[in-house]
C-alpha atoms as a PDB file:
ATOM      1  CA  MET A   1     -19.895-151.665 124.936  1.00  0.00           C
ATOM      2  CA  LYS A   2     -23.177-150.059 123.909  1.00  0.00           C
ATOM      3  CA  GLN A   3     -24.422-150.077 127.519  1.00  0.00           C
ATOM      4  CA  SER A   4     -21.280-148.341 128.783  1.00  0.00           C
ATOM      5  CA  LEU A   5     -21.595-145.689 126.105  1.00  0.00           C
ATOM      6  CA  VAL A   6     -25.238-145.009 126.985  1.00  0.00           C
ATOM      7  CA  TRP A   7     -24.336-144.878 130.697  1.00  0.00           C
ATOM      8  CA  ARG A   8     -21.512-142.376 130.008  1.00  0.00           C
ATOM      9  CA  VAL A   9     -23.733-140.087 127.914  1.00  0.00           C
ATOM     10  CA  GLU A  10     -26.486-140.161 130.530  1.00  0.00           C
ATOM     11  CA  SER A  11     -23.987-139.378 133.288  1.00  0.00           C
ATOM     12  CA  LEU A  12     -22.932-136.217 131.441  1.00  0.00           C
ATOM     13  CA  PHE A  13     -26.458-134.729 131.303  1.00  0.00           C
ATOM     14  CA  PRO A  14     -26.284-133.346 134.894  1.00  0.00           C
ATOM     15  CA  LEU A  15     -22.964-131.684 134.058  1.00  0.00           C
ATOM     16  CA  ALA A  16     -24.509-130.081 130.978  1.00  0.00           C
ATOM     17  CA  ASP A  17     -27.450-128.892 133.097  1.00  0.00           C
ATOM     18  CA  ARG A  18     -25.020-127.165 135.516  1.00  0.00           C
ATOM     19  CA  ILE A  19     -22.960-125.576 132.734  1.00  0.00           C
ATOM     20  CA  GLU A  20     -25.892-124.232 130.692  1.00  0.00           C
ATOM     21  CA  PRO A  21     -26.866-121.370 133.089  1.00  0.00           C
ATOM     22  CA  ARG A  22     -23.216-120.341 133.381  1.00  0.00           C
ATOM     23  CA  LEU A  23     -22.963-120.223 129.612  1.00  0.00           C
ATOM     24  CA  ALA A  24     -26.076-118.067 129.315  1.00  0.00           C
ATOM     25  CA  SER A  25     -24.726-115.666 131.968  1.00  0.00           C
ATOM     26  CA  ALA A  26     -21.345-115.429 130.221  1.00  0.00           C
ATOM     27  CA  GLN A  27     -23.061-114.757 126.874  1.00  0.00           C
ATOM     28  CA  LYS A  28     -25.026-111.858 128.402  1.00  0.00           C
ATOM     29  CA  GLN A  29     -21.805-110.389 129.788  1.00  0.00           C
ATOM     30  CA  VAL A  30     -20.084-110.668 126.407  1.00  0.00           C
ATOM     31  CA  ASP A  31     -23.060-109.067 124.675  1.00  0.00           C
ATOM     32  CA  ALA A  32     -22.899-106.115 127.093  1.00  0.00           C
ATOM     33  CA  LEU A  33     -19.108-105.860 126.936  1.00  0.00           C
ATOM     34  CA  THR A  34     -18.739-105.666 123.160  1.00  0.00           C
ATOM     35  CA  PRO A  35     -20.497-102.288 122.707  1.00  0.00           C
ATOM     36  CA  SER A  36     -18.644-100.918 125.730  1.00  0.00           C
ATOM     37  CA  LEU A  37     -15.290-101.955 124.283  1.00  0.00           C
ATOM     38  CA  LEU A  38     -16.123-100.449 120.926  1.00  0.00           C
ATOM     39  CA  ALA A  39     -17.195 -97.185 122.531  1.00  0.00           C
ATOM     40  CA  LEU A  40     -13.964 -97.001 124.525  1.00  0.00           C
ATOM     41  CA  ALA A  41     -11.907 -97.846 121.448  1.00  0.00           C
ATOM     42  CA  PHE A  42     -13.500 -95.121 119.344  1.00  0.00           C
ATOM     43  CA  ARG A  43     -12.905 -92.577 122.101  1.00  0.00           C
ATOM     44  CA  GLY A  44      -9.261 -93.648 122.340  1.00  0.00           C
ATOM     45  CA  LYS A  45      -9.584 -94.803 125.962  1.00  0.00           C
ATOM     46  CA  LEU A  46      -8.234 -98.351 125.631  1.00  0.00           C
ATOM     47  CA  VAL A  47      -4.568 -97.419 125.331  1.00  0.00           C
ATOM     48  CA  ARG A  48      -2.490 -94.503 126.506  1.00  0.00           C
ATOM     49  CA  GLN A  49      -2.437 -91.811 123.824  1.00  0.00           C
ATOM     50  CA  ASP A  50       0.817 -90.503 122.378  1.00  0.00           C
ATOM     51  CA  PRO A  51       0.749 -86.697 122.165  1.00  0.00           C
ATOM     52  CA  ALA A  52       3.212 -86.892 119.242  1.00  0.00           C
ATOM     53  CA  ASP A  53       0.607 -88.730 117.119  1.00  0.00           C
ATOM     54  CA  GLU A  54      -0.808 -86.847 114.154  1.00  0.00           C
ATOM     55  CA  PRO A  55      -4.374 -85.605 114.781  1.00  0.00           C
ATOM     56  CA  ALA A  56      -7.057 -87.509 112.849  1.00  0.00           C
ATOM     57  CA  ALA A  57      -8.167 -84.416 110.916  1.00  0.00           C
ATOM     58  CA  ALA A  58      -4.607 -83.803 109.708  1.00  0.00           C
ATOM     59  CA  LEU A  59      -4.228 -87.461 108.742  1.00  0.00           C
ATOM     60  CA  ILE A  60      -7.436 -87.400 106.703  1.00  0.00           C
ATOM     61  CA  GLU A  61      -6.364 -84.198 104.966  1.00  0.00           C
ATOM     62  CA  ARG A  62      -2.988 -85.724 104.091  1.00  0.00           C
ATOM     63  CA  ILE A  63      -4.606 -88.901 102.749  1.00  0.00           C
ATOM     64  CA  ASN A  64      -6.996 -86.881 100.562  1.00  0.00           C
ATOM     65  CA  ARG A  65      -4.136 -84.720  99.258  1.00  0.00           C
ATOM     66  CA  ASP A  66      -1.979 -87.769  98.467  1.00  0.00           C
ATOM     67  CA  SER A  67      -4.904 -89.542  96.768  1.00  0.00           C
ATOM     68  CA  ALA A  68      -5.583 -86.510  94.580  1.00  0.00           C
ATOM     69  CA  ALA A  69      -1.921 -86.338  93.572  1.00  0.00           C
ATOM     70  CA  VAL A  70      -1.889 -90.019  92.619  1.00  0.00           C
ATOM     71  CA  ALA A  71      -5.111 -89.629  90.633  1.00  0.00           C
ATOM     72  CA  LYS A  72      -3.648 -86.717  88.641  1.00  0.00           C
ATOM     73  CA  SER A  73      -0.465 -88.591  87.766  1.00  0.00           C
ATOM     74  CA  ALA A  74      -2.189 -91.851  86.790  1.00  0.00           C
ATOM     75  CA  ARG A  75      -3.210 -92.504  83.205  1.00  0.00           C
ATOM     76  CA  PRO A  76      -6.953 -92.754  82.631  1.00  0.00           C
ATOM     77  CA  PHE A  77      -8.213 -96.310  82.253  1.00  0.00           C
ATOM     78  CA  ASP A  78      -9.649 -95.692  78.800  1.00  0.00           C
ATOM     79  CA  LYS A  79      -6.115 -95.118  77.466  1.00  0.00           C
ATOM     80  CA  LEU A  80      -4.836 -98.414  78.846  1.00  0.00           C
ATOM     81  CA  ARG A  81      -4.896-101.372  76.493  1.00  0.00           C
ATOM     82  CA  ALA A  82      -5.299-104.940  77.576  1.00  0.00           C
ATOM     83  CA  PRO A  83      -2.649-107.341  76.277  1.00  0.00           C
ATOM     84  CA  SER A  84      -3.552-109.166  73.095  1.00  0.00           C
ATOM     85  CA  ARG A  85      -5.221-112.535  73.510  1.00  0.00           C
ATOM     86  CA  GLY A  86      -4.956-113.541  69.870  1.00  0.00           C
ATOM     87  CA  ALA A  87      -3.678-116.787  68.411  1.00  0.00           C
ATOM     88  CA  HIS A  88      -0.058-115.640  68.512  1.00  0.00           C
ATOM     89  CA  ALA A  89      -0.264-115.153  72.279  1.00  0.00           C
ATOM     90  CA  ARG A  90      -1.302-118.765  72.869  1.00  0.00           C
ATOM     91  CA  GLY A  91       0.740-120.381  70.126  1.00  0.00           C
ATOM     92  CA  HIS A  92      -2.255-121.899  68.319  1.00  0.00           C
ATOM     93  CA  GLU A  93      -5.139-120.784  66.227  1.00  0.00           C
ATOM     94  CA  GLU A  94      -8.142-119.337  67.979  1.00  0.00           C
ATOM     95  CA  ARG A  95     -11.300-121.325  67.386  1.00  0.00           C
ATOM     96  CA  THR A  96     -14.889-120.372  67.968  1.00  0.00           C
ATOM     97  CA  PRO A  97     -16.421-122.878  70.397  1.00  0.00           C
ATOM     98  CA  GLN A  98     -19.340-124.822  68.984  1.00  0.00           C
ATOM     99  CA  LEU A  99     -21.932-126.743  70.917  1.00  0.00           C
ATOM    100  CA  ARG A 100     -22.152-130.411  70.167  1.00  0.00           C
ATOM    101  CA  GLY A 101     -25.009-131.091  67.797  1.00  0.00           C
ATOM    102  CA  SER A 102     -25.672-127.434  67.068  1.00  0.00           C
ATOM    103  CA  SER A 103     -26.504-126.467  63.566  1.00  0.00           C
ATOM    104  CA  THR A 104     -28.343-123.805  61.688  1.00  0.00           C
ATOM    105  CA  LYS A 105     -31.116-126.273  60.797  1.00  0.00           C
ATOM    106  CA  ARG A 106     -34.176-126.418  62.984  1.00  0.00           C
ATOM    107  CA  ARG A 107     -34.616-129.750  64.697  1.00  0.00           C
ATOM    108  CA  ASN A 108     -37.849-131.672  64.536  1.00  0.00           C
ATOM    109  CA  LEU A 109     -39.116-131.119  68.055  1.00  0.00           C
ATOM    110  CA  PRO A 110     -42.546-131.982  69.414  1.00  0.00           C
ATOM    111  CA  ALA A 111     -45.037-129.098  69.199  1.00  0.00           C
ATOM    112  CA  GLY A 112     -44.802-128.255  72.926  1.00  0.00           C
ATOM    113  CA  GLN A 113     -41.015-127.803  72.788  1.00  0.00           C
ATOM    114  CA  ARG A 114     -40.691-125.469  69.782  1.00  0.00           C
END
């Protein structure tokens, strides 16, 4: 069993040696293609353009105008109140968490740990 596994792995090394240069070549092509695709996309050359589409400048202006209108109609955050988180909201009394063994007394610690 072990011998057949070793033989199989060793038989695949020549295949890996043949594939490795092809992989490196493909990676170089991908690295060169990505910036080209992005450049074409930003220039609008990847798909046919619809002349009925709104120009980018008009779209940006509309977005800014709509954002300003929403900002004027919204209440300022300082006027908003968070919902109460008191005892009545949870149905039990609120307790202050205490660390186990904590007290107001100073413990007797060795001199280096005070």
